[in-house]
Amino acid sequence: MTLRQMEYLLMVAEEASFTRAADRLRVSQPALSQQVRALERSMGGELLERLPGSVRLNPAGRAFAEHATVALRAEREARRAVRDVLSVTAGELEIATVLSVAVGVLPPSLTRWHHQHPDIPVRLREFRHRKLLEDAVLAGSGDIAIGPRPKSWPGPLVDIGTERFVLVIAEHDPVLERVRPYRKGAPAAAAHSRGRLALTALADHSWITLDREFGLSEFVEEHLGKAGLAPTYVLRTAQLDAAARLAAAGVGVALLPANAIPTDLAGVMVEPDPPLTRDLAAYGRAAFTNIVSGYFDILQRTPTALDPPSERRSP
């Protein structure tokens, strides 16, 4: 039994799929299945209930997972303790985040980090949902988490900014005639946003969004529901870039983070009314190590498309 086998089993359980777990772990599915089978043999019995199209922990697996989580957390904390002693001149930086933040917020700061610390590699762990991100960090994953601000958090947390969402609409769509330009001096939601458009004007439009397992999809759909819409989703995708480009091509309308929109997009961006924003934060399970503090300092000093953090009370 190895720590890697424990990690593999927990990932399979989290994803409820060998295929998705293999993608997350960046290993082949046969190799993943082999390691899980080897773990089950060493434990003397099956730990997973294999269902048609899904997989989940059985009672023995749930008992094992509880202790495996503790073991993996201890291993990660031991590594962090050693890296902290070695200061910010050696080691690896592991950032846990969500897809939209990985593509829309982190690239500028990661570029600066690489230039200043070329010998310290970065590992990104991307999660589909904010809850999965928070649970993983509590279980010991990641040196630092950067994502939607948790509603409550037991460890260190610093607000880093607020992202605005924009509608992506095809250039030829007649609904653009109903866009209200920004008043002079009013801040735009994005560099190329043309103005504001009432969401009710899109009641008869088809929509594009992310796959259901993504927290971003849930966040957007909840906002549209509060605005009185019952959207018809004609396409779901796992890629933000694809959602934006398909919306620009006229397949449907998409509501996406402004900072994650491709800069060469052919469609039109407008701010929804009512507007949609999301507060982002950097947080961790324990006090930031020297390496994490070094990266966080760069993150704070690097310009992004985010608005300044909202005035909030500590959780």
C-alpha atoms as a PDB file:
ATOM      1  CA  MET A   1       0.000   0.000   0.000  1.00  0.00           C
ATOM      2  CA  THR A   2       1.388   3.401  -1.008  1.00  0.00           C
ATOM      3  CA  LEU A   3       0.367   7.024  -0.572  1.00  0.00           C
ATOM      4  CA  ARG A   4      -0.068   7.271  -4.327  1.00  0.00           C
ATOM      5  CA  GLN A   5      -2.553   4.408  -4.279  1.00  0.00           C
ATOM      6  CA  MET A   6      -4.466   6.193  -1.528  1.00  0.00           C
ATOM      7  CA  GLU A   7      -4.545   9.369  -3.616  1.00  0.00           C
ATOM      8  CA  TYR A   8      -5.758   7.424  -6.636  1.00  0.00           C
ATOM      9  CA  LEU A   9      -8.601   5.779  -4.725  1.00  0.00           C
ATOM     10  CA  LEU A  10      -9.774   9.068  -3.224  1.00  0.00           C
ATOM     11  CA  MET A  11      -9.725  10.748  -6.635  1.00  0.00           C
ATOM     12  CA  VAL A  12     -11.792   7.942  -8.176  1.00  0.00           C
ATOM     13  CA  ALA A  13     -14.294   8.302  -5.340  1.00  0.00           C
ATOM     14  CA  GLU A  14     -14.402  12.091  -5.717  1.00  0.00           C
ATOM     15  CA  GLU A  15     -14.991  11.943  -9.469  1.00  0.00           C
ATOM     16  CA  ALA A  16     -17.217   8.813  -9.340  1.00  0.00           C
ATOM     17  CA  SER A  17     -15.409   7.780 -12.506  1.00  0.00           C
ATOM     18  CA  PHE A  18     -12.108   6.129 -13.416  1.00  0.00           C
ATOM     19  CA  THR A  19     -11.993   8.132 -16.653  1.00  0.00           C
ATOM     20  CA  ARG A  20     -12.404  11.549 -15.029  1.00  0.00           C
ATOM     21  CA  ALA A  21     -10.055  10.607 -12.191  1.00  0.00           C
ATOM     22  CA  ALA A  22      -7.386   9.548 -14.692  1.00  0.00           C
ATOM     23  CA  ASP A  23      -7.758  12.891 -16.471  1.00  0.00           C
ATOM     24  CA  ARG A  24      -7.369  14.797 -13.204  1.00  0.00           C
ATOM     25  CA  LEU A  25      -4.350  12.735 -12.170  1.00  0.00           C
ATOM     26  CA  ARG A  26      -2.834  12.872 -15.666  1.00  0.00           C
ATOM     27  CA  VAL A  27      -2.363   9.106 -15.838  1.00  0.00           C
ATOM     28  CA  SER A  28      -3.812   6.496 -18.171  1.00  0.00           C
ATOM     29  CA  GLN A  29      -7.035   4.803 -17.106  1.00  0.00           C
ATOM     30  CA  PRO A  30      -5.495   1.283 -17.244  1.00  0.00           C
ATOM     31  CA  ALA A  31      -2.637   2.396 -14.978  1.00  0.00           C
ATOM     32  CA  LEU A  32      -5.104   3.949 -12.542  1.00  0.00           C
ATOM     33  CA  SER A  33      -7.270   0.819 -12.494  1.00  0.00           C
ATOM     34  CA  GLN A  34      -4.179  -1.345 -11.904  1.00  0.00           C
ATOM     35  CA  GLN A  35      -3.108   0.701  -8.902  1.00  0.00           C
ATOM     36  CA  VAL A  36      -6.584   0.655  -7.362  1.00  0.00           C
ATOM     37  CA  ARG A  37      -6.816  -3.119  -7.855  1.00  0.00           C
ATOM     38  CA  ALA A  38      -3.380  -3.534  -6.255  1.00  0.00           C
ATOM     39  CA  LEU A  39      -4.548  -1.485  -3.279  1.00  0.00           C
ATOM     40  CA  GLU A  40      -7.680  -3.601  -2.928  1.00  0.00           C
ATOM     41  CA  ARG A  41      -5.599  -6.793  -3.022  1.00  0.00           C
ATOM     42  CA  SER A  42      -3.297  -5.469  -0.315  1.00  0.00           C
ATOM     43  CA  MET A  43      -6.331  -4.633   1.835  1.00  0.00           C
ATOM     44  CA  GLY A  44      -7.899  -8.043   1.314  1.00  0.00           C
ATOM     45  CA  GLY A  45     -11.109  -6.953  -0.390  1.00  0.00           C
ATOM     46  CA  GLU A  46     -12.833  -4.501  -2.709  1.00  0.00           C
ATOM     47  CA  LEU A  47     -13.082  -0.861  -1.650  1.00  0.00           C
ATOM     48  CA  LEU A  48     -15.253   0.344  -4.527  1.00  0.00           C
ATOM     49  CA  GLU A  49     -18.736  -0.459  -5.712  1.00  0.00           C
ATOM     50  CA  ARG A  50     -18.522  -0.525  -9.497  1.00  0.00           C
ATOM     51  CA  LEU A  51     -21.837   0.525 -11.047  1.00  0.00           C
ATOM     52  CA  PRO A  52     -22.901   0.947 -14.685  1.00  0.00           C
ATOM     53  CA  GLY A  53     -21.427   4.300 -15.672  1.00  0.00           C
ATOM     54  CA  SER A  54     -20.304   5.191 -12.156  1.00  0.00           C
ATOM     55  CA  VAL A  55     -18.296   4.061  -9.147  1.00  0.00           C
ATOM     56  CA  ARG A  56     -18.487   4.798  -5.428  1.00  0.00           C
ATOM     57  CA  LEU A  57     -16.929   3.721  -2.154  1.00  0.00           C
ATOM     58  CA  ASN A  58     -18.442   0.699  -0.456  1.00  0.00           C
ATOM     59  CA  PRO A  59     -18.548   0.488   3.369  1.00  0.00           C
ATOM     60  CA  ALA A  60     -14.978  -0.851   3.529  1.00  0.00           C
ATOM     61  CA  GLY A  61     -13.872   1.889   1.148  1.00  0.00           C
ATOM     62  CA  ARG A  62     -15.467   4.599   3.260  1.00  0.00           C
ATOM     63  CA  ALA A  63     -13.678   3.307   6.338  1.00  0.00           C
ATOM     64  CA  PHE A  64     -10.392   3.222   4.430  1.00  0.00           C
ATOM     65  CA  ALA A  65     -10.900   6.676   2.888  1.00  0.00           C
ATOM     66  CA  GLU A  66     -11.233   8.316   6.293  1.00  0.00           C
ATOM     67  CA  HIS A  67      -7.758   7.152   7.318  1.00  0.00           C
ATOM     68  CA  ALA A  68      -6.257   7.650   3.850  1.00  0.00           C
ATOM     69  CA  THR A  69      -7.315  11.297   3.947  1.00  0.00           C
ATOM     70  CA  VAL A  70      -5.500  11.763   7.256  1.00  0.00           C
ATOM     71  CA  ALA A  71      -2.379  10.031   5.925  1.00  0.00           C
ATOM     72  CA  LEU A  72      -2.241  12.152   2.768  1.00  0.00           C
ATOM     73  CA  ARG A  73      -2.797  15.317   4.761  1.00  0.00           C
ATOM     74  CA  ALA A  74       0.088  14.409   7.077  1.00  0.00           C
ATOM     75  CA  GLU A  75       2.361  13.711   4.096  1.00  0.00           C
ATOM     76  CA  ARG A  76       1.563  17.069   2.490  1.00  0.00           C
ATOM     77  CA  GLU A  77       2.076  18.950   5.734  1.00  0.00           C
ATOM     78  CA  ALA A  78       5.434  17.238   6.224  1.00  0.00           C
ATOM     79  CA  ARG A  79       6.511  18.363   2.763  1.00  0.00           C
ATOM     80  CA  ARG A  80       5.345  21.906   3.434  1.00  0.00           C
ATOM     81  CA  ALA A  81       7.221  22.020   6.734  1.00  0.00           C
ATOM     82  CA  VAL A  82      10.454  21.019   5.011  1.00  0.00           C
ATOM     83  CA  ARG A  83       9.904  23.493   2.169  1.00  0.00           C
ATOM     84  CA  ASP A  84       9.271  26.263   4.661  1.00  0.00           C
ATOM     85  CA  VAL A  85      12.581  25.559   6.379  1.00  0.00           C
ATOM     86  CA  LEU A  86      14.286  25.653   2.977  1.00  0.00           C
ATOM     87  CA  SER A  87      12.599  29.061   2.427  1.00  0.00           C
ATOM     88  CA  VAL A  88      11.502  30.345  -0.946  1.00  0.00           C
ATOM     89  CA  THR A  89      14.603  29.135  -2.777  1.00  0.00           C
ATOM     90  CA  ALA A  90      13.576  25.510  -3.276  1.00  0.00           C
ATOM     91  CA  GLY A  91      10.560  23.247  -3.515  1.00  0.00           C
ATOM     92  CA  GLU A  92       7.311  23.312  -5.488  1.00  0.00           C
ATOM     93  CA  LEU A  93       4.281  25.586  -5.340  1.00  0.00           C
ATOM     94  CA  GLU A  94       0.928  23.807  -5.539  1.00  0.00           C
ATOM     95  CA  ILE A  95      -2.057  26.039  -6.281  1.00  0.00           C
ATOM     96  CA  ALA A  96      -5.594  24.697  -5.958  1.00  0.00           C
ATOM     97  CA  THR A  97      -8.136  26.633  -7.993  1.00  0.00           C
ATOM     98  CA  VAL A  98     -11.169  26.462 -10.274  1.00  0.00           C
ATOM     99  CA  LEU A  99     -11.101  26.447 -14.067  1.00  0.00           C
ATOM    100  CA  SER A 100     -12.254  30.025 -14.659  1.00  0.00           C
ATOM    101  CA  VAL A 101      -9.660  31.447 -12.256  1.00  0.00           C
ATOM    102  CA  ALA A 102      -6.894  29.302 -13.739  1.00  0.00           C
ATOM    103  CA  VAL A 103      -7.451  30.763 -17.209  1.00  0.00           C
ATOM    104  CA  GLY A 104      -8.745  34.233 -16.336  1.00  0.00           C
ATOM    105  CA  VAL A 105      -6.839  35.415 -13.261  1.00  0.00           C
ATOM    106  CA  LEU A 106      -3.623  33.497 -12.594  1.00  0.00           C
ATOM    107  CA  PRO A 107      -1.584  33.683 -15.847  1.00  0.00           C
ATOM    108  CA  PRO A 108      -0.018  37.169 -15.280  1.00  0.00           C
ATOM    109  CA  SER A 109       1.118  36.374 -11.727  1.00  0.00           C
ATOM    110  CA  LEU A 110       2.372  32.922 -12.730  1.00  0.00           C
ATOM    111  CA  THR A 111       4.437  34.517 -15.499  1.00  0.00           C
ATOM    112  CA  ARG A 112       6.068  36.851 -12.973  1.00  0.00           C
ATOM    113  CA  TRP A 113       6.612  33.966 -10.566  1.00  0.00           C
ATOM    114  CA  HIS A 114       8.395  31.937 -13.236  1.00  0.00           C
ATOM    115  CA  HIS A 115      10.652  34.872 -14.110  1.00  0.00           C
ATOM    116  CA  GLN A 116      11.557  35.506 -10.475  1.00  0.00           C
ATOM    117  CA  HIS A 117      11.721  31.860  -9.323  1.00  0.00           C
ATOM    118  CA  PRO A 118      12.551  29.728 -12.381  1.00  0.00           C
ATOM    119  CA  ASP A 119      13.735  26.852 -10.177  1.00  0.00           C
ATOM    120  CA  ILE A 120      10.428  26.501  -8.314  1.00  0.00           C
ATOM    121  CA  PRO A 121       7.847  24.728 -10.498  1.00  0.00           C
ATOM    122  CA  VAL A 122       4.114  25.294 -10.086  1.00  0.00           C
ATOM    123  CA  ARG A 123       1.468  22.588 -10.015  1.00  0.00           C
ATOM    124  CA  LEU A 124      -2.111  23.648 -10.693  1.00  0.00           C
ATOM    125  CA  ARG A 125      -4.902  21.498  -9.279  1.00  0.00           C
ATOM    126  CA  GLU A 126      -8.096  22.571 -11.032  1.00  0.00           C
ATOM    127  CA  PHE A 127     -11.496  21.737  -9.584  1.00  0.00           C
ATOM    128  CA  ARG A 128     -14.880  21.921 -11.286  1.00  0.00           C
ATOM    129  CA  HIS A 129     -16.777  23.234  -8.276  1.00  0.00           C
ATOM    130  CA  ARG A 130     -15.938  25.594  -5.434  1.00  0.00           C
ATOM    131  CA  LYS A 131     -17.172  23.029  -2.897  1.00  0.00           C
ATOM    132  CA  LEU A 132     -14.771  20.402  -4.268  1.00  0.00           C
ATOM    133  CA  LEU A 133     -11.979  22.973  -4.036  1.00  0.00           C
ATOM    134  CA  GLU A 134     -12.785  23.833  -0.423  1.00  0.00           C
ATOM    135  CA  ASP A 135     -13.114  20.181   0.601  1.00  0.00           C
ATOM    136  CA  ALA A 136      -9.796  19.310  -1.055  1.00  0.00           C
ATOM    137  CA  VAL A 137      -7.959  22.133   0.710  1.00  0.00           C
ATOM    138  CA  LEU A 138      -9.397  21.106   4.070  1.00  0.00           C
ATOM    139  CA  ALA A 139      -8.168  17.578   3.311  1.00  0.00           C
ATOM    140  CA  GLY A 140      -4.642  18.884   2.714  1.00  0.00           C
ATOM    141  CA  SER A 141      -4.477  19.585  -1.032  1.00  0.00           C
ATOM    142  CA  GLY A 142      -2.686  22.659  -2.313  1.00  0.00           C
ATOM    143  CA  ASP A 143      -0.300  25.098  -0.668  1.00  0.00           C
ATOM    144  CA  ILE A 144      -2.782  27.874  -1.433  1.00  0.00           C
ATOM    145  CA  ALA A 145      -6.304  27.984  -2.854  1.00  0.00           C
ATOM    146  CA  ILE A 146      -7.439  30.779  -5.153  1.00  0.00           C
ATOM    147  CA  GLY A 147     -11.093  30.771  -6.059  1.00  0.00           C
ATOM    148  CA  PRO A 148     -14.591  31.943  -5.134  1.00  0.00           C
ATOM    149  CA  ARG A 149     -14.672  33.285  -1.590  1.00  0.00           C
ATOM    150  CA  PRO A 150     -15.916  30.608   0.846  1.00  0.00           C
ATOM    151  CA  LYS A 151     -18.989  31.546   2.859  1.00  0.00           C
ATOM    152  CA  SER A 152     -17.023  30.611   5.968  1.00  0.00           C
ATOM    153  CA  TRP A 153     -13.447  29.430   6.371  1.00  0.00           C
ATOM    154  CA  PRO A 154     -11.475  28.205   9.413  1.00  0.00           C
ATOM    155  CA  GLY A 155      -8.004  29.160   8.139  1.00  0.00           C
ATOM    156  CA  PRO A 156      -6.228  32.211   6.696  1.00  0.00           C
ATOM    157  CA  LEU A 157      -8.157  34.037   3.962  1.00  0.00           C
ATOM    158  CA  VAL A 158      -7.436  37.225   2.007  1.00  0.00           C
ATOM    159  CA  ASP A 159      -9.793  38.842  -0.518  1.00  0.00           C
ATOM    160  CA  ILE A 160      -8.067  39.447  -3.865  1.00  0.00           C
ATOM    161  CA  GLY A 161     -10.781  41.066  -5.975  1.00  0.00           C
ATOM    162  CA  THR A 162     -14.188  40.832  -7.610  1.00  0.00           C
ATOM    163  CA  GLU A 163     -14.799  39.486 -11.102  1.00  0.00           C
ATOM    164  CA  ARG A 164     -17.621  40.723 -13.265  1.00  0.00           C
ATOM    165  CA  PHE A 165     -19.583  38.585 -15.694  1.00  0.00           C
ATOM    166  CA  VAL A 166     -20.521  39.582 -19.229  1.00  0.00           C
ATOM    167  CA  LEU A 167     -22.927  38.335 -21.852  1.00  0.00           C
ATOM    168  CA  VAL A 168     -21.387  37.102 -25.092  1.00  0.00           C
ATOM    169  CA  ILE A 169     -23.730  37.678 -28.032  1.00  0.00           C
ATOM    170  CA  ALA A 170     -23.299  37.255 -31.784  1.00  0.00           C
ATOM    171  CA  GLU A 171     -22.515  40.484 -33.649  1.00  0.00           C
ATOM    172  CA  HIS A 172     -25.602  40.183 -35.868  1.00  0.00           C
ATOM    173  CA  ASP A 173     -28.151  39.585 -33.073  1.00  0.00           C
ATOM    174  CA  PRO A 174     -30.964  42.212 -33.218  1.00  0.00           C
ATOM    175  CA  VAL A 175     -31.163  42.248 -29.403  1.00  0.00           C
ATOM    176  CA  LEU A 176     -27.994  44.379 -29.394  1.00  0.00           C
ATOM    177  CA  GLU A 177     -30.187  47.326 -30.422  1.00  0.00           C
ATOM    178  CA  ARG A 178     -31.520  47.266 -26.851  1.00  0.00           C
ATOM    179  CA  VAL A 179     -28.083  47.645 -25.230  1.00  0.00           C
ATOM    180  CA  ARG A 180     -27.806  50.775 -23.076  1.00  0.00           C
ATOM    181  CA  PRO A 181     -24.360  52.405 -23.465  1.00  0.00           C
ATOM    182  CA  TYR A 182     -22.439  53.239 -20.305  1.00  0.00           C
ATOM    183  CA  ARG A 183     -22.845  56.725 -18.918  1.00  0.00           C
ATOM    184  CA  LYS A 184     -19.776  58.871 -19.318  1.00  0.00           C
ATOM    185  CA  GLY A 185     -17.258  57.961 -16.613  1.00  0.00           C
ATOM    186  CA  ALA A 186     -19.046  54.763 -15.548  1.00  0.00           C
ATOM    187  CA  PRO A 187     -16.722  51.734 -15.263  1.00  0.00           C
ATOM    188  CA  ALA A 188     -17.195  49.032 -17.888  1.00  0.00           C
ATOM    189  CA  ALA A 189     -17.433  45.359 -16.931  1.00  0.00           C
ATOM    190  CA  ALA A 190     -14.706  44.544 -19.441  1.00  0.00           C
ATOM    191  CA  ALA A 191     -12.392  46.469 -21.727  1.00  0.00           C
ATOM    192  CA  HIS A 192     -14.627  45.910 -24.761  1.00  0.00           C
ATOM    193  CA  SER A 193     -18.056  45.806 -23.114  1.00  0.00           C
ATOM    194  CA  ARG A 194     -20.524  47.947 -25.082  1.00  0.00           C
ATOM    195  CA  GLY A 195     -22.937  48.671 -22.266  1.00  0.00           C
ATOM    196  CA  ARG A 196     -25.742  47.015 -20.314  1.00  0.00           C
ATOM    197  CA  LEU A 197     -28.565  44.766 -21.458  1.00  0.00           C
ATOM    198  CA  ALA A 198     -31.578  43.722 -19.405  1.00  0.00           C
ATOM    199  CA  LEU A 199     -31.614  39.958 -19.008  1.00  0.00           C
ATOM    200  CA  THR A 200     -35.349  39.989 -19.648  1.00  0.00           C
ATOM    201  CA  ALA A 201     -34.543  41.008 -23.238  1.00  0.00           C
ATOM    202  CA  LEU A 202     -33.043  37.530 -23.681  1.00  0.00           C
ATOM    203  CA  ALA A 203     -36.090  35.581 -22.500  1.00  0.00           C
ATOM    204  CA  ASP A 204     -36.610  33.977 -25.914  1.00  0.00           C
ATOM    205  CA  HIS A 205     -32.927  33.295 -26.609  1.00  0.00           C
ATOM    206  CA  SER A 206     -31.139  29.964 -26.467  1.00  0.00           C
ATOM    207  CA  TRP A 207     -28.244  29.662 -24.037  1.00  0.00           C
ATOM    208  CA  ILE A 208     -24.801  28.084 -23.797  1.00  0.00           C
ATOM    209  CA  THR A 209     -23.284  27.147 -20.456  1.00  0.00           C
ATOM    210  CA  LEU A 210     -20.768  24.793 -18.875  1.00  0.00           C
ATOM    211  CA  ASP A 211     -21.434  21.165 -17.994  1.00  0.00           C
ATOM    212  CA  ARG A 212     -23.651  20.644 -14.956  1.00  0.00           C
ATOM    213  CA  GLU A 213     -20.817  19.475 -12.686  1.00  0.00           C
ATOM    214  CA  PHE A 214     -19.141  22.895 -12.919  1.00  0.00           C
ATOM    215  CA  GLY A 215     -19.903  25.294 -10.098  1.00  0.00           C
ATOM    216  CA  LEU A 216     -19.804  28.183 -12.559  1.00  0.00           C
ATOM    217  CA  SER A 217     -22.811  26.726 -14.382  1.00  0.00           C
ATOM    218  CA  GLU A 218     -24.745  26.488 -11.126  1.00  0.00           C
ATOM    219  CA  PHE A 219     -23.784  30.077 -10.210  1.00  0.00           C
ATOM    220  CA  VAL A 220     -24.921  31.498 -13.555  1.00  0.00           C
ATOM    221  CA  GLU A 221     -28.145  29.485 -13.720  1.00  0.00           C
ATOM    222  CA  GLU A 222     -29.122  30.638 -10.234  1.00  0.00           C
ATOM    223  CA  HIS A 223     -28.627  34.274 -11.267  1.00  0.00           C
ATOM    224  CA  LEU A 224     -30.714  33.862 -14.409  1.00  0.00           C
ATOM    225  CA  GLY A 225     -33.467  32.237 -12.381  1.00  0.00           C
ATOM    226  CA  LYS A 226     -33.512  35.145  -9.923  1.00  0.00           C
ATOM    227  CA  ALA A 227     -33.819  37.504 -12.899  1.00  0.00           C
ATOM    228  CA  GLY A 228     -37.008  35.694 -13.921  1.00  0.00           C
ATOM    229  CA  LEU A 229     -35.600  33.676 -16.805  1.00  0.00           C
ATOM    230  CA  ALA A 230     -36.171  29.999 -17.521  1.00  0.00           C
ATOM    231  CA  PRO A 231     -33.333  29.511 -20.023  1.00  0.00           C
ATOM    232  CA  THR A 232     -33.270  26.837 -22.699  1.00  0.00           C
ATOM    233  CA  TYR A 233     -29.741  25.447 -22.847  1.00  0.00           C
ATOM    234  CA  VAL A 234     -28.933  24.231 -26.339  1.00  0.00           C
ATOM    235  CA  LEU A 235     -25.291  23.422 -25.613  1.00  0.00           C
ATOM    236  CA  ARG A 236     -23.123  22.570 -22.625  1.00  0.00           C
ATOM    237  CA  THR A 237     -19.336  22.348 -22.715  1.00  0.00           C
ATOM    238  CA  ALA A 238     -16.391  21.786 -20.376  1.00  0.00           C
ATOM    239  CA  GLN A 239     -14.387  24.656 -21.893  1.00  0.00           C
ATOM    240  CA  LEU A 240     -14.843  28.379 -21.236  1.00  0.00           C
ATOM    241  CA  ASP A 241     -13.135  29.237 -24.519  1.00  0.00           C
ATOM    242  CA  ALA A 242     -15.555  27.023 -26.433  1.00  0.00           C
ATOM    243  CA  ALA A 243     -18.575  28.533 -24.675  1.00  0.00           C
ATOM    244  CA  ALA A 244     -17.449  32.060 -25.572  1.00  0.00           C
ATOM    245  CA  ARG A 245     -16.646  31.271 -29.208  1.00  0.00           C
ATOM    246  CA  LEU A 246     -19.848  29.323 -29.789  1.00  0.00           C
ATOM    247  CA  ALA A 247     -21.862  32.196 -28.334  1.00  0.00           C
ATOM    248  CA  ALA A 248     -20.009  34.647 -30.576  1.00  0.00           C
ATOM    249  CA  ALA A 249     -20.865  32.425 -33.542  1.00  0.00           C
ATOM    250  CA  GLY A 250     -24.582  32.656 -32.759  1.00  0.00           C
ATOM    251  CA  VAL A 251     -25.280  29.203 -31.321  1.00  0.00           C
ATOM    252  CA  GLY A 252     -26.681  30.798 -28.169  1.00  0.00           C
ATOM    253  CA  VAL A 253     -25.991  33.453 -25.541  1.00  0.00           C
ATOM    254  CA  ALA A 254     -23.411  32.834 -22.792  1.00  0.00           C
ATOM    255  CA  LEU A 255     -22.871  34.550 -19.432  1.00  0.00           C
ATOM    256  CA  LEU A 256     -19.205  34.186 -18.477  1.00  0.00           C
ATOM    257  CA  PRO A 257     -16.483  35.809 -16.329  1.00  0.00           C
ATOM    258  CA  ALA A 258     -15.179  38.832 -18.228  1.00  0.00           C
ATOM    259  CA  ASN A 259     -11.572  37.992 -17.367  1.00  0.00           C
ATOM    260  CA  ALA A 260     -11.851  34.557 -19.015  1.00  0.00           C
ATOM    261  CA  ILE A 261     -13.120  35.784 -22.406  1.00  0.00           C
ATOM    262  CA  PRO A 262     -10.610  35.267 -25.273  1.00  0.00           C
ATOM    263  CA  THR A 263      -9.113  38.579 -26.379  1.00  0.00           C
ATOM    264  CA  ASP A 264      -9.654  37.779 -30.067  1.00  0.00           C
ATOM    265  CA  LEU A 265     -13.364  37.031 -29.676  1.00  0.00           C
ATOM    266  CA  ALA A 266     -15.479  38.013 -32.689  1.00  0.00           C
ATOM    267  CA  GLY A 267     -18.729  38.458 -30.749  1.00  0.00           C
ATOM    268  CA  VAL A 268     -20.057  41.315 -28.635  1.00  0.00           C
ATOM    269  CA  MET A 269     -19.687  41.611 -24.863  1.00  0.00           C
ATOM    270  CA  VAL A 270     -22.281  43.452 -22.796  1.00  0.00           C
ATOM    271  CA  GLU A 271     -22.914  43.618 -19.072  1.00  0.00           C
ATOM    272  CA  PRO A 272     -26.106  41.940 -17.833  1.00  0.00           C
ATOM    273  CA  ASP A 273     -28.716  43.876 -15.907  1.00  0.00           C
ATOM    274  CA  PRO A 274     -29.026  42.902 -13.120  1.00  0.00           C
ATOM    275  CA  PRO A 275     -25.240  42.544 -12.994  1.00  0.00           C
ATOM    276  CA  LEU A 276     -23.447  39.402 -11.842  1.00  0.00           C
ATOM    277  CA  THR A 277     -20.216  39.506  -9.840  1.00  0.00           C
ATOM    278  CA  ARG A 278     -18.206  37.026  -7.800  1.00  0.00           C
ATOM    279  CA  ASP A 279     -15.747  37.713  -4.978  1.00  0.00           C
ATOM    280  CA  LEU A 280     -12.447  35.829  -5.168  1.00  0.00           C
ATOM    281  CA  ALA A 281     -10.074  35.047  -2.332  1.00  0.00           C
ATOM    282  CA  ALA A 282      -6.791  33.334  -1.556  1.00  0.00           C
ATOM    283  CA  TYR A 283      -7.037  30.958   1.360  1.00  0.00           C
ATOM    284  CA  GLY A 284      -5.397  27.980   2.998  1.00  0.00           C
ATOM    285  CA  ARG A 285      -5.801  25.380   5.673  1.00  0.00           C
ATOM    286  CA  ALA A 286      -2.793  26.553   7.687  1.00  0.00           C
ATOM    287  CA  ALA A 287      -0.560  29.618   7.858  1.00  0.00           C
ATOM    288  CA  PHE A 288       1.052  30.431   4.513  1.00  0.00           C
ATOM    289  CA  THR A 289       4.579  29.075   4.078  1.00  0.00           C
ATOM    290  CA  ASN A 290       7.439  31.234   2.792  1.00  0.00           C
ATOM    291  CA  ILE A 291       6.898  29.943  -0.748  1.00  0.00           C
ATOM    292  CA  VAL A 292       3.171  30.701  -0.613  1.00  0.00           C
ATOM    293  CA  SER A 293       3.767  34.155   0.873  1.00  0.00           C
ATOM    294  CA  GLY A 294       6.228  34.856  -1.932  1.00  0.00           C
ATOM    295  CA  TYR A 295       3.679  33.947  -4.585  1.00  0.00           C
ATOM    296  CA  PHE A 296       0.839  35.771  -2.838  1.00  0.00           C
ATOM    297  CA  ASP A 297       2.941  38.949  -2.758  1.00  0.00           C
ATOM    298  CA  ILE A 298       3.398  38.662  -6.536  1.00  0.00           C
ATOM    299  CA  LEU A 299      -0.333  37.973  -7.007  1.00  0.00           C
ATOM    300  CA  GLN A 300      -1.254  41.123  -5.097  1.00  0.00           C
ATOM    301  CA  ARG A 301       1.210  43.272  -7.056  1.00  0.00           C
ATOM    302  CA  THR A 302       0.257  41.956 -10.494  1.00  0.00           C
ATOM    303  CA  PRO A 303      -2.484  43.861 -12.375  1.00  0.00           C
ATOM    304  CA  THR A 304      -5.539  41.765 -13.239  1.00  0.00           C
ATOM    305  CA  ALA A 305      -8.969  42.363 -14.743  1.00  0.00           C
ATOM    306  CA  LEU A 306     -10.525  42.077 -11.272  1.00  0.00           C
ATOM    307  CA  ASP A 307     -12.205  44.946  -9.461  1.00  0.00           C
ATOM    308  CA  PRO A 308     -10.719  45.811  -6.040  1.00  0.00           C
ATOM    309  CA  PRO A 309     -11.962  43.541  -3.225  1.00  0.00           C
ATOM    310  CA  SER A 310     -15.404  44.335  -1.866  1.00  0.00           C
ATOM    311  CA  GLU A 311     -15.638  45.708   1.649  1.00  0.00           C
ATOM    312  CA  ARG A 312     -16.386  42.618   3.715  1.00  0.00           C
ATOM    313  CA  ARG A 313     -16.160  41.355   7.251  1.00  0.00           C
ATOM    314  CA  SER A 314     -13.836  38.491   8.042  1.00  0.00           C
ATOM    315  CA  PRO A 315     -15.566  35.103   7.987  1.00  0.00           C
END
